[in-house]
PDB file of all heavy atoms in Angstrom:
ATOM      1  N   MET A   1       0.853  -1.221  -0.013  1.00  0.00           N
ATOM      2  CA  MET A   1      -0.043  -0.018  -0.040  1.00  0.00           C
ATOM      3  C   MET A   1       0.869   1.274   0.009  1.00  0.00           C
ATOM      4  O   MET A   1       0.495   2.262  -0.650  1.00  0.00           O
ATOM      5  CB  MET A   1      -0.922   0.038   1.210  1.00  0.00           C
ATOM      6  CG  MET A   1      -1.975   1.121   1.028  1.00  0.00           C
ATOM      7  SD  MET A   1      -3.138   1.071   2.427  1.00  0.00           S
ATOM      8  CE  MET A   1      -3.903  -0.487   2.306  1.00  0.00           C
ATOM      9  N   PHE A   2       2.064   1.248   0.646  1.00  0.00           N
ATOM     10  CA  PHE A   2       2.841   2.434   0.682  1.00  0.00           C
ATOM     11  C   PHE A   2       3.438   2.838  -0.610  1.00  0.00           C
ATOM     12  O   PHE A   2       3.977   3.940  -0.750  1.00  0.00           O
ATOM     13  CB  PHE A   2       3.930   2.306   1.802  1.00  0.00           C
ATOM     14  CG  PHE A   2       4.947   1.170   1.504  1.00  0.00           C
ATOM     15  CD1 PHE A   2       6.120   1.441   0.901  1.00  0.00           C
ATOM     16  CD2 PHE A   2       4.612  -0.198   1.787  1.00  0.00           C
ATOM     17  CE1 PHE A   2       7.002   0.488   0.642  1.00  0.00           C
ATOM     18  CE2 PHE A   2       5.515  -1.196   1.557  1.00  0.00           C
ATOM     19  CZ  PHE A   2       6.743  -0.844   0.900  1.00  0.00           C
ATOM     20  N   ILE A   3       3.377   1.979  -1.649  1.00  0.00           N
ATOM     21  CA  ILE A   3       3.952   2.360  -2.932  1.00  0.00           C
ATOM     22  C   ILE A   3       2.863   2.162  -4.064  1.00  0.00           C
ATOM     23  O   ILE A   3       3.244   2.246  -5.246  1.00  0.00           O
ATOM     24  CB  ILE A   3       5.219   1.470  -3.332  1.00  0.00           C
ATOM     25  CG1 ILE A   3       4.928   0.017  -3.371  1.00  0.00           C
ATOM     26  CG2 ILE A   3       6.345   1.753  -2.441  1.00  0.00           C
ATOM     27  CD1 ILE A   3       5.923  -0.822  -4.014  1.00  0.00           C
ATOM     28  N   ASP A   4       1.649   2.031  -3.703  1.00  0.00           N
ATOM     29  CA  ASP A   4       0.634   1.848  -4.658  1.00  0.00           C
ATOM     30  C   ASP A   4       0.462   2.941  -5.642  1.00  0.00           C
ATOM     31  O   ASP A   4       0.224   2.706  -6.887  1.00  0.00           O
ATOM     32  CB  ASP A   4      -0.776   1.608  -3.914  1.00  0.00           C
ATOM     33  CG  ASP A   4      -1.163   2.831  -3.151  1.00  0.00           C
ATOM     34  OD1 ASP A   4      -0.479   3.799  -3.010  1.00  0.00           O
ATOM     35  OD2 ASP A   4      -2.344   2.669  -2.543  1.00  0.00           O
ATOM     36  N   HIS A   5       0.698   4.165  -5.316  1.00  0.00           N
ATOM     37  CA  HIS A   5       0.633   5.306  -6.290  1.00  0.00           C
ATOM     38  C   HIS A   5       1.708   5.242  -7.306  1.00  0.00           C
ATOM     39  O   HIS A   5       1.531   5.608  -8.450  1.00  0.00           O
ATOM     40  CB  HIS A   5       0.672   6.641  -5.498  1.00  0.00           C
ATOM     41  CG  HIS A   5       1.894   6.745  -4.594  1.00  0.00           C
ATOM     42  ND1 HIS A   5       1.931   6.145  -3.354  1.00  0.00           N
ATOM     43  CD2 HIS A   5       3.119   7.420  -4.751  1.00  0.00           C
ATOM     44  CE1 HIS A   5       3.113   6.386  -2.824  1.00  0.00           C
ATOM     45  NE2 HIS A   5       3.802   7.155  -3.597  1.00  0.00           N
ATOM     46  N   TRP A   6       2.909   4.734  -6.915  1.00  0.00           N
ATOM     47  CA  TRP A   6       4.050   4.541  -7.872  1.00  0.00           C
ATOM     48  C   TRP A   6       3.706   3.384  -8.850  1.00  0.00           C
ATOM     49  O   TRP A   6       3.926   3.447 -10.036  1.00  0.00           O
ATOM     50  CB  TRP A   6       5.360   4.267  -7.122  1.00  0.00           C
ATOM     51  CG  TRP A   6       5.894   5.514  -6.476  1.00  0.00           C
ATOM     52  CD1 TRP A   6       5.881   5.780  -5.146  1.00  0.00           C
ATOM     53  CD2 TRP A   6       6.511   6.503  -7.202  1.00  0.00           C
ATOM     54  NE1 TRP A   6       6.488   7.025  -4.956  1.00  0.00           N
ATOM     55  CE2 TRP A   6       6.919   7.506  -6.172  1.00  0.00           C
ATOM     56  CE3 TRP A   6       6.877   6.822  -8.473  1.00  0.00           C
ATOM     57  CZ2 TRP A   6       7.578   8.791  -6.524  1.00  0.00           C
ATOM     58  CZ3 TRP A   6       7.487   8.038  -8.817  1.00  0.00           C
ATOM     59  CH2 TRP A   6       7.872   8.960  -7.802  1.00  0.00           C
ATOM     60  N   ILE A   7       3.030   2.308  -8.315  1.00  0.00           N
ATOM     61  CA  ILE A   7       2.669   1.212  -9.186  1.00  0.00           C
ATOM     62  C   ILE A   7       1.675   1.712 -10.226  1.00  0.00           C
ATOM     63  O   ILE A   7       1.706   1.420 -11.366  1.00  0.00           O
ATOM     64  CB  ILE A   7       2.112   0.022  -8.312  1.00  0.00           C
ATOM     65  CG1 ILE A   7       3.232  -0.570  -7.482  1.00  0.00           C
ATOM     66  CG2 ILE A   7       1.530  -1.016  -9.226  1.00  0.00           C
ATOM     67  CD1 ILE A   7       2.777  -1.606  -6.431  1.00  0.00           C
ATOM     68  N   ALA A   8       0.660   2.422  -9.719  1.00  0.00           N
ATOM     69  CA  ALA A   8      -0.392   2.980 -10.656  1.00  0.00           C
ATOM     70  C   ALA A   8       0.258   3.852 -11.737  1.00  0.00           C
ATOM     71  O   ALA A   8      -0.006   3.739 -12.828  1.00  0.00           O
ATOM     72  CB  ALA A   8      -1.417   3.749  -9.948  1.00  0.00           C
ATOM     73  N   PHE A   9       1.179   4.700 -11.268  1.00  0.00           N
ATOM     74  CA  PHE A   9       1.862   5.600 -12.190  1.00  0.00           C
ATOM     75  C   PHE A   9       2.691   4.759 -13.248  1.00  0.00           C
ATOM     76  O   PHE A   9       2.609   5.058 -14.470  1.00  0.00           O
ATOM     77  CB  PHE A   9       2.791   6.526 -11.365  1.00  0.00           C
ATOM     78  CG  PHE A   9       3.811   7.300 -12.245  1.00  0.00           C
ATOM     79  CD1 PHE A   9       3.380   8.418 -13.064  1.00  0.00           C
ATOM     80  CD2 PHE A   9       5.113   7.076 -12.172  1.00  0.00           C
ATOM     81  CE1 PHE A   9       4.217   9.157 -13.837  1.00  0.00           C
ATOM     82  CE2 PHE A   9       6.083   7.798 -12.956  1.00  0.00           C
ATOM     83  CZ  PHE A   9       5.551   8.824 -13.795  1.00  0.00           C
ATOM     84  N   ILE A  10       3.441   3.882 -12.821  1.00  0.00           N
ATOM     85  CA  ILE A  10       4.365   3.050 -13.702  1.00  0.00           C
ATOM     86  C   ILE A  10       3.500   2.225 -14.673  1.00  0.00           C
ATOM     87  O   ILE A  10       3.762   2.238 -15.859  1.00  0.00           O
ATOM     88  CB  ILE A  10       5.329   2.136 -12.810  1.00  0.00           C
ATOM     89  CG1 ILE A  10       6.267   3.078 -12.221  1.00  0.00           C
ATOM     90  CG2 ILE A  10       5.994   1.124 -13.765  1.00  0.00           C
ATOM     91  CD1 ILE A  10       7.134   2.367 -11.127  1.00  0.00           C
ATOM     92  N   LEU A  11       2.455   1.508 -14.147  1.00  0.00           N
ATOM     93  CA  LEU A  11       1.622   0.706 -15.032  1.00  0.00           C
ATOM     94  C   LEU A  11       0.897   1.507 -16.069  1.00  0.00           C
ATOM     95  O   LEU A  11       0.897   1.284 -17.276  1.00  0.00           O
ATOM     96  CB  LEU A  11       0.556  -0.179 -14.209  1.00  0.00           C
ATOM     97  CG  LEU A  11       1.185  -1.262 -13.436  1.00  0.00           C
ATOM     98  CD1 LEU A  11       0.054  -1.943 -12.534  1.00  0.00           C
ATOM     99  CD2 LEU A  11       1.841  -2.299 -14.342  1.00  0.00           C
ATOM    100  N   LEU A  12       0.208   2.633 -15.687  1.00  0.00           N
ATOM    101  CA  LEU A  12      -0.445   3.550 -16.624  1.00  0.00           C
ATOM    102  C   LEU A  12       0.501   4.079 -17.672  1.00  0.00           C
ATOM    103  O   LEU A  12       0.252   4.148 -18.804  1.00  0.00           O
ATOM    104  CB  LEU A  12      -1.263   4.569 -15.879  1.00  0.00           C
ATOM    105  CG  LEU A  12      -2.488   4.097 -15.204  1.00  0.00           C
ATOM    106  CD1 LEU A  12      -3.037   5.158 -14.272  1.00  0.00           C
ATOM    107  CD2 LEU A  12      -3.516   3.640 -16.085  1.00  0.00           C
ATOM    108  N   GLY A  13       1.687   4.530 -17.092  1.00  0.00           N
ATOM    109  CA  GLY A  13       2.756   5.144 -17.966  1.00  0.00           C
ATOM    110  C   GLY A  13       3.234   4.137 -18.966  1.00  0.00           C
ATOM    111  O   GLY A  13       3.317   4.434 -20.144  1.00  0.00           O
ATOM    112  N   LEU A  14       3.590   2.933 -18.533  1.00  0.00           N
ATOM    113  CA  LEU A  14       4.076   1.913 -19.527  1.00  0.00           C
ATOM    114  C   LEU A  14       3.022   1.516 -20.564  1.00  0.00           C
ATOM    115  O   LEU A  14       3.368   1.410 -21.716  1.00  0.00           O
ATOM    116  CB  LEU A  14       4.558   0.705 -18.761  1.00  0.00           C
ATOM    117  CG  LEU A  14       5.886   0.864 -17.900  1.00  0.00           C
ATOM    118  CD1 LEU A  14       6.118  -0.385 -17.063  1.00  0.00           C
ATOM    119  CD2 LEU A  14       7.068   1.235 -18.833  1.00  0.00           C
ATOM    120  N   ILE A  15       1.796   1.345 -20.108  1.00  0.00           N
ATOM    121  CA  ILE A  15       0.759   0.969 -21.042  1.00  0.00           C
ATOM    122  C   ILE A  15       0.561   2.096 -22.136  1.00  0.00           C
ATOM    123  O   ILE A  15       0.507   1.874 -23.269  1.00  0.00           O
ATOM    124  CB  ILE A  15      -0.541   0.585 -20.302  1.00  0.00           C
ATOM    125  CG1 ILE A  15      -0.381  -0.585 -19.483  1.00  0.00           C
ATOM    126  CG2 ILE A  15      -1.662   0.486 -21.324  1.00  0.00           C
ATOM    127  CD1 ILE A  15      -1.481  -0.880 -18.441  1.00  0.00           C
ATOM    128  N   GLY A  16       0.476   3.346 -21.557  1.00  0.00           N
ATOM    129  CA  GLY A  16       0.265   4.426 -22.410  1.00  0.00           C
ATOM    130  C   GLY A  16       1.344   4.672 -23.430  1.00  0.00           C
ATOM    131  O   GLY A  16       1.179   4.916 -24.672  1.00  0.00           O
ATOM    132  N   ILE A  17       2.632   4.651 -22.977  1.00  0.00           N
ATOM    133  CA  ILE A  17       3.756   4.804 -23.782  1.00  0.00           C
ATOM    134  C   ILE A  17       3.838   3.639 -24.874  1.00  0.00           C
ATOM    135  O   ILE A  17       4.187   3.912 -26.026  1.00  0.00           O
ATOM    136  CB  ILE A  17       5.153   4.799 -23.037  1.00  0.00           C
ATOM    137  CG1 ILE A  17       5.196   6.148 -22.213  1.00  0.00           C
ATOM    138  CG2 ILE A  17       6.333   4.636 -23.815  1.00  0.00           C
ATOM    139  CD1 ILE A  17       6.223   6.195 -21.131  1.00  0.00           C
ATOM    140  N   ASN A  18       3.523   2.409 -24.471  1.00  0.00           N
ATOM    141  CA  ASN A  18       3.504   1.413 -25.451  1.00  0.00           C
ATOM    142  C   ASN A  18       2.391   1.621 -26.542  1.00  0.00           C
ATOM    143  O   ASN A  18       2.669   1.423 -27.691  1.00  0.00           O
ATOM    144  CB  ASN A  18       3.178   0.066 -24.802  1.00  0.00           C
ATOM    145  CG  ASN A  18       3.341  -1.155 -25.717  1.00  0.00           C
ATOM    146  OD1 ASN A  18       4.398  -1.286 -26.412  1.00  0.00           O
ATOM    147  ND2 ASN A  18       2.337  -2.001 -25.801  1.00  0.00           N
ATOM    148  N   MET A  19       1.232   2.182 -26.125  1.00  0.00           N
ATOM    149  CA  MET A  19       0.216   2.489 -27.128  1.00  0.00           C
ATOM    150  C   MET A  19       0.678   3.615 -28.070  1.00  0.00           C
ATOM    151  O   MET A  19       0.493   3.510 -29.287  1.00  0.00           O
ATOM    152  CB  MET A  19      -1.054   2.853 -26.449  1.00  0.00           C
ATOM    153  CG  MET A  19      -1.830   1.693 -25.789  1.00  0.00           C
ATOM    154  SD  MET A  19      -3.357   2.222 -24.955  1.00  0.00           S
ATOM    155  CE  MET A  19      -4.395   2.687 -26.288  1.00  0.00           C
ATOM    156  N   ILE A  20       1.361   4.592 -27.537  1.00  0.00           N
ATOM    157  CA  ILE A  20       1.858   5.636 -28.355  1.00  0.00           C
ATOM    158  C   ILE A  20       2.933   5.153 -29.332  1.00  0.00           C
ATOM    159  O   ILE A  20       2.929   5.468 -30.538  1.00  0.00           O
ATOM    160  CB  ILE A  20       2.486   6.775 -27.527  1.00  0.00           C
ATOM    161  CG1 ILE A  20       1.273   7.475 -26.723  1.00  0.00           C
ATOM    162  CG2 ILE A  20       3.250   7.818 -28.312  1.00  0.00           C
ATOM    163  CD1 ILE A  20       1.782   8.394 -25.589  1.00  0.00           C
ATOM    164  N   ARG A  21       3.837   4.276 -28.768  1.00  0.00           N
ATOM    165  CA  ARG A  21       4.911   3.629 -29.693  1.00  0.00           C
ATOM    166  C   ARG A  21       4.240   2.887 -30.851  1.00  0.00           C
ATOM    167  O   ARG A  21       4.644   3.024 -31.983  1.00  0.00           O
ATOM    168  CB  ARG A  21       5.801   2.783 -28.825  1.00  0.00           C
ATOM    169  CG  ARG A  21       6.925   2.179 -29.571  1.00  0.00           C
ATOM    170  CD  ARG A  21       7.757   1.195 -28.767  1.00  0.00           C
ATOM    171  NE  ARG A  21       6.997   0.192 -28.140  1.00  0.00           N
ATOM    172  CZ  ARG A  21       6.570  -0.960 -28.736  1.00  0.00           C
ATOM    173  NH1 ARG A  21       6.735  -1.032 -30.009  1.00  0.00           N
ATOM    174  NH2 ARG A  21       5.848  -1.767 -28.009  1.00  0.00           N
ATOM    175  N   GLU A  22       3.281   2.035 -30.515  1.00  0.00           N
ATOM    176  CA  GLU A  22       2.548   1.266 -31.523  1.00  0.00           C
ATOM    177  C   GLU A  22       1.877   2.163 -32.626  1.00  0.00           C
ATOM    178  O   GLU A  22       1.880   1.877 -33.795  1.00  0.00           O
ATOM    179  CB  GLU A  22       1.532   0.320 -30.945  1.00  0.00           C
ATOM    180  CG  GLU A  22       2.200  -0.845 -30.204  1.00  0.00           C
ATOM    181  CD  GLU A  22       1.144  -1.779 -29.487  1.00  0.00           C
ATOM    182  OE1 GLU A  22      -0.114  -1.484 -29.664  1.00  0.00           O
ATOM    183  OE2 GLU A  22       1.560  -2.652 -28.753  1.00  0.00           O
ATOM    184  N   ALA A  23       1.318   3.294 -32.135  1.00  0.00           N
ATOM    185  CA  ALA A  23       0.583   4.219 -33.053  1.00  0.00           C
ATOM    186  C   ALA A  23       1.553   4.831 -33.943  1.00  0.00           C
ATOM    187  O   ALA A  23       1.253   5.140 -35.116  1.00  0.00           O
ATOM    188  CB  ALA A  23      -0.130   5.222 -32.213  1.00  0.00           C
ATOM    189  N   MET A  24       2.854   5.059 -33.554  1.00  0.00           N
ATOM    190  CA  MET A  24       3.766   5.776 -34.380  1.00  0.00           C
ATOM    191  C   MET A  24       4.595   4.837 -35.311  1.00  0.00           C
ATOM    192  O   MET A  24       5.295   5.187 -36.163  1.00  0.00           O
ATOM    193  CB  MET A  24       4.738   6.573 -33.477  1.00  0.00           C
ATOM    194  CG  MET A  24       4.015   7.624 -32.664  1.00  0.00           C
ATOM    195  SD  MET A  24       5.057   8.586 -31.612  1.00  0.00           S
ATOM    196  CE  MET A  24       5.471   9.874 -32.734  1.00  0.00           C
ATOM    197  N   GLY A  25       4.392   3.505 -35.042  1.00  0.00           N
ATOM    198  CA  GLY A  25       5.108   2.458 -35.864  1.00  0.00           C
ATOM    199  C   GLY A  25       4.498   2.442 -37.207  1.00  0.00           C
ATOM    200  O   GLY A  25       3.296   2.706 -37.409  1.00  0.00           O
ATOM    201  N   LYS A  26       5.193   1.990 -38.185  1.00  0.00           N
ATOM    202  CA  LYS A  26       4.712   1.958 -39.552  1.00  0.00           C
ATOM    203  C   LYS A  26       4.276   0.557 -39.907  1.00  0.00           C
ATOM    204  O   LYS A  26       3.969   0.258 -41.031  1.00  0.00           O
ATOM    205  CB  LYS A  26       5.807   2.395 -40.564  1.00  0.00           C
ATOM    206  CG  LYS A  26       6.354   3.774 -40.281  1.00  0.00           C
ATOM    207  CD  LYS A  26       5.290   4.820 -40.508  1.00  0.00           C
ATOM    208  CE  LYS A  26       5.768   6.210 -40.268  1.00  0.00           C
ATOM    209  NZ  LYS A  26       4.773   7.080 -39.764  1.00  0.00           N
ATOM    210  N   GLU A  27       4.303  -0.353 -38.966  1.00  0.00           N
ATOM    211  CA  GLU A  27       3.917  -1.794 -39.103  1.00  0.00           C
ATOM    212  C   GLU A  27       2.439  -1.830 -39.460  1.00  0.00           C
ATOM    213  O   GLU A  27       1.550  -1.351 -38.771  1.00  0.00           O
ATOM    214  CB  GLU A  27       4.197  -2.536 -37.824  1.00  0.00           C
ATOM    215  CG  GLU A  27       4.666  -3.911 -38.054  1.00  0.00           C
ATOM    216  CD  GLU A  27       5.018  -4.576 -36.780  1.00  0.00           C
ATOM    217  OE1 GLU A  27       6.192  -4.314 -36.360  1.00  0.00           O
ATOM    218  OE2 GLU A  27       4.170  -5.291 -36.228  1.00  0.00           O
ATOM    219  N   GLU A  28       2.098  -2.510 -40.541  1.00  0.00           N
ATOM    220  CA  GLU A  28       0.697  -2.711 -41.014  1.00  0.00           C
ATOM    221  C   GLU A  28       0.195  -4.086 -40.556  1.00  0.00           C
ATOM    222  O   GLU A  28       0.874  -5.031 -40.753  1.00  0.00           O
ATOM    223  CB  GLU A  28       0.615  -2.558 -42.543  1.00  0.00           C
ATOM    224  CG  GLU A  28      -0.691  -2.334 -43.089  1.00  0.00           C
ATOM    225  CD  GLU A  28      -1.361  -1.005 -42.478  1.00  0.00           C
ATOM    226  OE1 GLU A  28      -0.706  -0.025 -42.335  1.00  0.00           O
ATOM    227  OE2 GLU A  28      -2.583  -1.002 -42.220  1.00  0.00           O
ATOM    228  N   GLU A  29      -0.923  -4.122 -39.878  1.00  0.00           N
ATOM    229  CA  GLU A  29      -1.476  -5.320 -39.419  1.00  0.00           C
ATOM    230  C   GLU A  29      -2.360  -5.981 -40.358  1.00  0.00           C
ATOM    231  O   GLU A  29      -3.187  -5.290 -40.986  1.00  0.00           O
ATOM    232  CB  GLU A  29      -2.269  -5.038 -38.072  1.00  0.00           C
ATOM    233  CG  GLU A  29      -1.445  -4.581 -36.948  1.00  0.00           C
ATOM    234  CD  GLU A  29      -2.240  -4.273 -35.714  1.00  0.00           C
ATOM    235  OE1 GLU A  29      -3.263  -4.919 -35.424  1.00  0.00           O
ATOM    236  OE2 GLU A  29      -1.962  -3.293 -35.148  1.00  0.00           O
ATOM    237  N   LYS A  30      -2.344  -7.268 -40.572  1.00  0.00           N
ATOM    238  CA  LYS A  30      -3.272  -7.999 -41.370  1.00  0.00           C
ATOM    239  C   LYS A  30      -4.353  -8.516 -40.502  1.00  0.00           C
ATOM    240  O   LYS A  30      -4.085  -9.117 -39.450  1.00  0.00           O
ATOM    241  CB  LYS A  30      -2.505  -9.248 -41.953  1.00  0.00           C
ATOM    242  CG  LYS A  30      -1.573  -8.875 -43.067  1.00  0.00           C
ATOM    243  CD  LYS A  30      -2.340  -8.774 -44.342  1.00  0.00           C
ATOM    244  CE  LYS A  30      -1.318  -8.568 -45.485  1.00  0.00           C
ATOM    245  NZ  LYS A  30      -1.832  -8.204 -46.708  1.00  0.00           N
ATOM    246  N   VAL A  31      -5.649  -8.270 -40.845  1.00  0.00           N
ATOM    247  CA  VAL A  31      -6.653  -8.706 -40.015  1.00  0.00           C
ATOM    248  C   VAL A  31      -7.644  -9.506 -40.880  1.00  0.00           C
ATOM    249  O   VAL A  31      -7.976  -9.182 -42.013  1.00  0.00           O
ATOM    250  CB  VAL A  31      -7.514  -7.437 -39.550  1.00  0.00           C
ATOM    251  CG1 VAL A  31      -8.670  -7.857 -38.678  1.00  0.00           C
ATOM    252  CG2 VAL A  31      -6.587  -6.562 -38.604  1.00  0.00           C
ATOM    253  N   ASP A  32      -8.014 -10.638 -40.363  1.00  0.00           N
ATOM    254  CA  ASP A  32      -8.942 -11.635 -40.961  1.00  0.00           C
ATOM    255  C   ASP A  32     -10.348 -10.946 -40.992  1.00  0.00           C
ATOM    256  O   ASP A  32     -10.838 -10.413 -39.978  1.00  0.00           O
ATOM    257  CB  ASP A  32      -8.936 -12.850 -40.199  1.00  0.00           C
ATOM    258  CG  ASP A  32      -9.644 -14.066 -40.823  1.00  0.00           C
ATOM    259  OD1 ASP A  32     -10.556 -13.821 -41.655  1.00  0.00           O
ATOM    260  OD2 ASP A  32      -9.229 -15.173 -40.468  1.00  0.00           O
ATOM    261  N   ALA A  33     -11.104 -11.211 -42.044  1.00  0.00           N
ATOM    262  CA  ALA A  33     -12.434 -10.660 -42.201  1.00  0.00           C
ATOM    263  C   ALA A  33     -13.452 -11.409 -41.315  1.00  0.00           C
ATOM    264  O   ALA A  33     -14.571 -10.920 -41.106  1.00  0.00           O
ATOM    265  CB  ALA A  33     -12.932 -10.648 -43.643  1.00  0.00           C
ATOM    266  N   SER A  34     -13.076 -12.574 -40.773  1.00  0.00           N
ATOM    267  CA  SER A  34     -13.986 -13.345 -40.027  1.00  0.00           C
ATOM    268  C   SER A  34     -14.319 -12.735 -38.594  1.00  0.00           C
ATOM    269  O   SER A  34     -13.446 -12.139 -38.002  1.00  0.00           O
ATOM    270  CB  SER A  34     -13.392 -14.727 -39.690  1.00  0.00           C
ATOM    271  OG  SER A  34     -14.196 -15.467 -38.826  1.00  0.00           O
ATOM    272  N   PHE A  35     -15.525 -12.921 -38.222  1.00  0.00           N
ATOM    273  CA  PHE A  35     -15.963 -12.456 -36.848  1.00  0.00           C
ATOM    274  C   PHE A  35     -16.246 -13.709 -36.008  1.00  0.00           C
ATOM    275  O   PHE A  35     -16.941 -13.610 -34.963  1.00  0.00           O
ATOM    276  CB  PHE A  35     -17.252 -11.567 -36.952  1.00  0.00           C
ATOM    277  CG  PHE A  35     -16.896 -10.176 -37.357  1.00  0.00           C
ATOM    278  CD1 PHE A  35     -16.614  -9.836 -38.606  1.00  0.00           C
ATOM    279  CD2 PHE A  35     -16.806  -9.166 -36.369  1.00  0.00           C
ATOM    280  CE1 PHE A  35     -16.305  -8.544 -39.035  1.00  0.00           C
ATOM    281  CE2 PHE A  35     -16.546  -7.851 -36.698  1.00  0.00           C
ATOM    282  CZ  PHE A  35     -16.227  -7.496 -38.063  1.00  0.00           C
ATOM    283  N   GLY A  36     -15.766 -14.873 -36.400  1.00  0.00           N
ATOM    284  CA  GLY A  36     -15.877 -16.066 -35.598  1.00  0.00           C
ATOM    285  C   GLY A  36     -15.096 -16.093 -34.324  1.00  0.00           C
ATOM    286  O   GLY A  36     -14.047 -15.339 -34.312  1.00  0.00           O
ATOM    287  N   PRO A  37     -15.306 -17.065 -33.397  1.00  0.00           N
ATOM    288  CA  PRO A  37     -14.645 -17.077 -32.180  1.00  0.00           C
ATOM    289  C   PRO A  37     -13.081 -17.371 -32.326  1.00  0.00           C
ATOM    290  O   PRO A  37     -12.330 -16.830 -31.592  1.00  0.00           O
ATOM    291  CB  PRO A  37     -15.257 -18.294 -31.445  1.00  0.00           C
ATOM    292  CG  PRO A  37     -16.562 -18.397 -32.057  1.00  0.00           C
ATOM    293  CD  PRO A  37     -16.458 -18.009 -33.459  1.00  0.00           C
ATOM    294  N   LYS A  38     -12.698 -18.065 -33.364  1.00  0.00           N
ATOM    295  CA  LYS A  38     -11.302 -18.444 -33.574  1.00  0.00           C
ATOM    296  C   LYS A  38     -10.408 -17.202 -33.881  1.00  0.00           C
ATOM    297  O   LYS A  38      -9.273 -17.173 -33.528  1.00  0.00           O
ATOM    298  CB  LYS A  38     -11.106 -19.434 -34.727  1.00  0.00           C
ATOM    299  CG  LYS A  38     -11.318 -20.882 -34.346  1.00  0.00           C
ATOM    300  CD  LYS A  38     -10.982 -21.756 -35.573  1.00  0.00           C
ATOM    301  CE  LYS A  38     -11.115 -23.203 -35.068  1.00  0.00           C
ATOM    302  NZ  LYS A  38     -10.751 -24.085 -36.259  1.00  0.00           N
ATOM    303  N   VAL A  39     -11.127 -16.184 -34.408  1.00  0.00           N
ATOM    304  CA  VAL A  39     -10.436 -14.973 -34.814  1.00  0.00           C
ATOM    305  C   VAL A  39     -10.661 -13.869 -33.719  1.00  0.00           C
ATOM    306  O   VAL A  39      -9.710 -13.254 -33.257  1.00  0.00           O
ATOM    307  CB  VAL A  39     -10.891 -14.434 -36.202  1.00  0.00           C
ATOM    308  CG1 VAL A  39     -10.357 -13.078 -36.523  1.00  0.00           C
ATOM    309  CG2 VAL A  39     -10.607 -15.409 -37.270  1.00  0.00           C
ATOM    310  N   MET A  40     -11.873 -13.770 -33.211  1.00  0.00           N
ATOM    311  CA  MET A  40     -12.209 -12.719 -32.327  1.00  0.00           C
ATOM    312  C   MET A  40     -11.698 -12.943 -30.919  1.00  0.00           C
ATOM    313  O   MET A  40     -11.196 -12.023 -30.223  1.00  0.00           O
ATOM    314  CB  MET A  40     -13.749 -12.543 -32.218  1.00  0.00           C
ATOM    315  CG  MET A  40     -14.373 -12.013 -33.521  1.00  0.00           C
ATOM    316  SD  MET A  40     -13.767 -10.467 -34.046  1.00  0.00           S
ATOM    317  CE  MET A  40     -14.339  -9.356 -32.869  1.00  0.00           C
TER     318      MET A  40
END
């Protein structure tokens, strides 16, 4: 509990930075047109 605010800060920061990094990447994702359970 005494470091919970640091854990929240680090987790949110890492997740957010990773999303920003992925958004800036030029990698194109291939997505299957299926909406079945094996794909979804």
